[in-house]
C-alpha atoms as a PDB file:
ATOM      1  CA  GLU A   1      -1.549 -21.359 -27.210  1.00  0.00           C
ATOM      2  CA  TYR A   2      -4.878 -22.973 -27.120  1.00  0.00           C
ATOM      3  CA  GLY A   3      -6.065 -22.223 -23.587  1.00  0.00           C
ATOM      4  CA  LYS A   4      -4.718 -18.053 -24.916  1.00  0.00           C
ATOM      5  CA  GLN A   5      -6.975 -18.420 -27.895  1.00  0.00           C
ATOM      6  CA  TRP A   6      -9.825 -19.451 -25.747  1.00  0.00           C
ATOM      7  CA  TYR A   7      -9.165 -16.241 -23.678  1.00  0.00           C
ATOM      8  CA  GLN A   8      -8.962 -14.189 -25.868  1.00  0.00           C
ATOM      9  CA  ARG A   9     -12.310 -14.503 -28.366  1.00  0.00           C
ATOM     10  CA  ARG A  10     -14.106 -14.840 -24.142  1.00  0.00           C
ATOM     11  CA  VAL A  11     -12.894 -11.028 -23.118  1.00  0.00           C
ATOM     12  CA  ARG A  12     -15.661  -8.476 -24.670  1.00  0.00           C
ATOM     13  CA  ALA A  13     -14.414  -5.793 -22.079  1.00  0.00           C
ATOM     14  CA  THR A  14     -11.023  -4.173 -20.767  1.00  0.00           C
ATOM     15  CA  VAL A  15     -11.403  -1.937 -17.205  1.00  0.00           C
ATOM     16  CA  ILE A  16      -8.133   0.053 -16.707  1.00  0.00           C
ATOM     17  CA  TYR A  17      -7.513   1.735 -13.103  1.00  0.00           C
ATOM     18  CA  SER A  18      -4.752   4.381 -12.769  1.00  0.00           C
ATOM     19  CA  GLY A  19      -2.531   4.627 -10.073  1.00  0.00           C
ATOM     20  CA  SER A  20      -1.335   1.208  -8.485  1.00  0.00           C
ATOM     21  CA  GLU A  21       1.695   3.156  -6.955  1.00  0.00           C
ATOM     22  CA  SER A  22      -0.368   4.390  -4.497  1.00  0.00           C
ATOM     23  CA  ALA A  23      -1.563   1.625  -3.312  1.00  0.00           C
ATOM     24  CA  ARG A  24       1.269  -0.097  -3.029  1.00  0.00           C
ATOM     25  CA  GLY A  25       4.018   2.490  -1.926  1.00  0.00           C
ATOM     26  CA  ILE A  26       7.124   3.701  -3.692  1.00  0.00           C
ATOM     27  CA  PRO A  27       9.371   5.352  -0.940  1.00  0.00           C
ATOM     28  CA  GLN A  28      11.798   6.365  -3.465  1.00  0.00           C
ATOM     29  CA  ILE A  29       9.760   9.426  -4.222  1.00  0.00           C
ATOM     30  CA  SER A  30       7.755   9.774  -1.066  1.00  0.00           C
ATOM     31  CA  LEU A  31       4.826   7.538  -1.101  1.00  0.00           C
ATOM     32  CA  GLU A  32       4.478   5.568   1.836  1.00  0.00           C
ATOM     33  CA  PRO A  33       1.824   1.947   1.493  1.00  0.00           C
ATOM     34  CA  PRO A  34      -1.390   2.162   2.905  1.00  0.00           C
ATOM     35  CA  LYS A  35      -0.914   0.538   7.036  1.00  0.00           C
ATOM     36  CA  LEU A  36      -3.091  -1.678   8.271  1.00  0.00           C
ATOM     37  CA  ASN A  37      -3.805  -2.995  11.324  1.00  0.00           C
ATOM     38  CA  SER A  38      -5.814  -6.422  11.088  1.00  0.00           C
ATOM     39  CA  GLY A  39      -7.605  -6.179   7.388  1.00  0.00           C
ATOM     40  CA  SER A  40     -10.386  -7.161   9.150  1.00  0.00           C
ATOM     41  CA  VAL A  41     -13.941  -6.735   7.005  1.00  0.00           C
ATOM     42  CA  GLU A  42     -14.981  -4.302  10.288  1.00  0.00           C
ATOM     43  CA  GLU A  43     -11.341  -2.443   9.523  1.00  0.00           C
ATOM     44  CA  PHE A  44     -12.110  -2.198   5.730  1.00  0.00           C
ATOM     45  CA  MET A  45     -15.576  -0.671   5.770  1.00  0.00           C
ATOM     46  CA  SER A  46     -14.619   2.003   8.088  1.00  0.00           C
ATOM     47  CA  ILE A  47     -11.516   3.012   5.829  1.00  0.00           C
ATOM     48  CA  CYS A  48     -14.916   3.433   3.311  1.00  0.00           C
ATOM     49  CA  ASP A  49     -17.195   5.398   5.548  1.00  0.00           C
ATOM     50  CA  GLY A  50     -13.976   7.607   7.567  1.00  0.00           C
ATOM     51  CA  SER A  51     -13.841   6.539  10.853  1.00  0.00           C
ATOM     52  CA  PHE A  52     -10.654   5.310   9.952  1.00  0.00           C
ATOM     53  CA  PHE A  53      -8.518   7.973   8.969  1.00  0.00           C
ATOM     54  CA  PRO A  54      -6.920  10.223  12.221  1.00  0.00           C
ATOM     55  CA  GLU A  55      -8.091  14.250  12.715  1.00  0.00           C
ATOM     56  CA  GLY A  56      -6.584  16.225  10.284  1.00  0.00           C
ATOM     57  CA  ALA A  57      -5.540  13.967   7.395  1.00  0.00           C
ATOM     58  CA  GLY A  58      -7.851  14.666   5.182  1.00  0.00           C
ATOM     59  CA  ASN A  59      -5.542  18.059   4.532  1.00  0.00           C
ATOM     60  CA  ASP A  60      -2.662  14.938   3.112  1.00  0.00           C
ATOM     61  CA  PRO A  61      -4.051  14.049  -0.588  1.00  0.00           C
ATOM     62  CA  LYS A  62      -1.017  11.424  -0.892  1.00  0.00           C
ATOM     63  CA  TYR A  63      -2.209   9.304   2.412  1.00  0.00           C
ATOM     64  CA  MET A  64      -6.038   9.921   2.029  1.00  0.00           C
ATOM     65  CA  GLY A  65      -5.146   9.069  -1.676  1.00  0.00           C
ATOM     66  CA  ALA A  66      -3.056   5.587  -1.165  1.00  0.00           C
ATOM     67  CA  PHE A  67      -5.780   4.612   0.724  1.00  0.00           C
ATOM     68  CA  ALA A  68      -8.320   5.268  -2.070  1.00  0.00           C
ATOM     69  CA  LYS A  69      -6.150   3.757  -4.538  1.00  0.00           C
ATOM     70  CA  PHE A  70      -5.301   0.466  -2.427  1.00  0.00           C
ATOM     71  CA  VAL A  71      -9.968  -0.069  -1.571  1.00  0.00           C
ATOM     72  CA  GLY A  72      -9.580   0.473  -6.116  1.00  0.00           C
ATOM     73  CA  ALA A  73      -6.917  -1.807  -6.524  1.00  0.00           C
ATOM     74  CA  LEU A  74      -8.485  -4.810  -4.081  1.00  0.00           C
ATOM     75  CA  TRP A  75     -12.223  -3.769  -6.032  1.00  0.00           C
ATOM     76  CA  MET A  76     -10.567  -4.175  -9.440  1.00  0.00           C
ATOM     77  CA  SER A  77      -8.789  -8.234  -7.830  1.00  0.00           C
ATOM     78  CA  SER A  78     -12.974  -8.571  -6.366  1.00  0.00           C
ATOM     79  CA  MET A  79     -14.214  -7.797  -9.788  1.00  0.00           C
ATOM     80  CA  ALA A  80     -12.141  -9.318 -12.011  1.00  0.00           C
ATOM     81  CA  ARG A  81     -12.876 -13.003  -9.974  1.00  0.00           C
ATOM     82  CA  LYS A  82     -17.052 -12.206 -10.477  1.00  0.00           C
ATOM     83  CA  THR A  83     -16.549 -11.393 -14.559  1.00  0.00           C
ATOM     84  CA  PRO A  84     -13.937 -13.672 -16.463  1.00  0.00           C
ATOM     85  CA  HIS A  85     -15.677 -12.701 -19.984  1.00  0.00           C
ATOM     86  CA  VAL A  86     -14.099  -8.911 -18.580  1.00  0.00           C
ATOM     87  CA  ARG A  87     -10.233  -7.826 -18.807  1.00  0.00           C
ATOM     88  CA  PHE A  88      -9.300  -5.798 -15.526  1.00  0.00           C
ATOM     89  CA  VAL A  89      -5.831  -3.308 -15.598  1.00  0.00           C
ATOM     90  CA  THR A  90      -4.176  -1.642 -12.254  1.00  0.00           C
ATOM     91  CA  ILE A  91      -1.362   0.150 -13.955  1.00  0.00           C
ATOM     92  CA  SER A  92       1.202   2.628 -12.355  1.00  0.00           C
ATOM     93  CA  PRO A  93       1.594   5.661 -14.380  1.00  0.00           C
ATOM     94  CA  GLY A  94       4.411   6.479 -12.514  1.00  0.00           C
ATOM     95  CA  ALA A  95       5.898   9.892 -13.227  1.00  0.00           C
ATOM     96  CA  THR A  96       4.619  10.302 -16.608  1.00  0.00           C
ATOM     97  CA  THR A  97       5.327  14.444 -18.620  1.00  0.00           C
ATOM     98  CA  GLY A  98       2.347  16.078 -17.631  1.00  0.00           C
ATOM     99  CA  THR A  99       1.368  14.476 -13.819  1.00  0.00           C
ATOM    100  CA  GLU A 100       1.857  16.313 -10.599  1.00  0.00           C
ATOM    101  CA  VAL A 101       3.483  14.131  -8.919  1.00  0.00           C
ATOM    102  CA  ARG A 102       7.307  15.499  -8.586  1.00  0.00           C
ATOM    103  CA  ARG A 103       5.754  18.063  -7.493  1.00  0.00           C
ATOM    104  CA  ASP A 104       6.119  17.957  -3.323  1.00  0.00           C
ATOM    105  CA  LEU A 105       9.331  15.367  -3.578  1.00  0.00           C
ATOM    106  CA  PRO A 106      13.123  17.448  -2.681  1.00  0.00           C
ATOM    107  CA  TRP A 107      15.119  19.032  -5.869  1.00  0.00           C
ATOM    108  CA  TYR A 108      17.631  16.517  -6.288  1.00  0.00           C
ATOM    109  CA  LYS A 109      14.630  13.493  -6.294  1.00  0.00           C
ATOM    110  CA  ARG A 110      12.386  16.099  -9.016  1.00  0.00           C
ATOM    111  CA  LEU A 111      15.997  15.938 -10.914  1.00  0.00           C
ATOM    112  CA  PHE A 112      16.685  12.692 -11.096  1.00  0.00           C
ATOM    113  CA  VAL A 113      12.500  11.520 -12.086  1.00  0.00           C
ATOM    114  CA  GLY A 114      12.386  14.331 -14.645  1.00  0.00           C
ATOM    115  CA  THR A 115      15.686  13.022 -16.051  1.00  0.00           C
ATOM    116  CA  LEU A 116      14.577   9.702 -15.938  1.00  0.00           C
ATOM    117  CA  VAL A 117      11.238  10.141 -17.522  1.00  0.00           C
ATOM    118  CA  ASN A 118      12.663  12.228 -20.075  1.00  0.00           C
ATOM    119  CA  ILE A 119      15.488   9.286 -20.603  1.00  0.00           C
ATOM    120  CA  LEU A 120      13.079   6.501 -21.360  1.00  0.00           C
END
């Protein structure tokens, strides 16, 4: 209990990063996770400067978005370790109303996700 109270007094701000589902991938809704070869610093640098990606990859927003969200989530975890007085949270908005995540799904997945969102 004391630790929780201490933490709440110390936290001065909260940073929320939306879109972690792209970073981890959700095969059920056709979101593939980013695939890395080595996870090296050089590989991450190539993701950031664009040289990692094959020709034409920029035409697929799901593919590019997954890597952008992945790097963003890793940056958030790095910042959380460096600044303990700031709470960093990555969230997954999922298929909430108003998002376009269902647009490219097959009709049966769109129906299922839409029904699920309305129930919840």
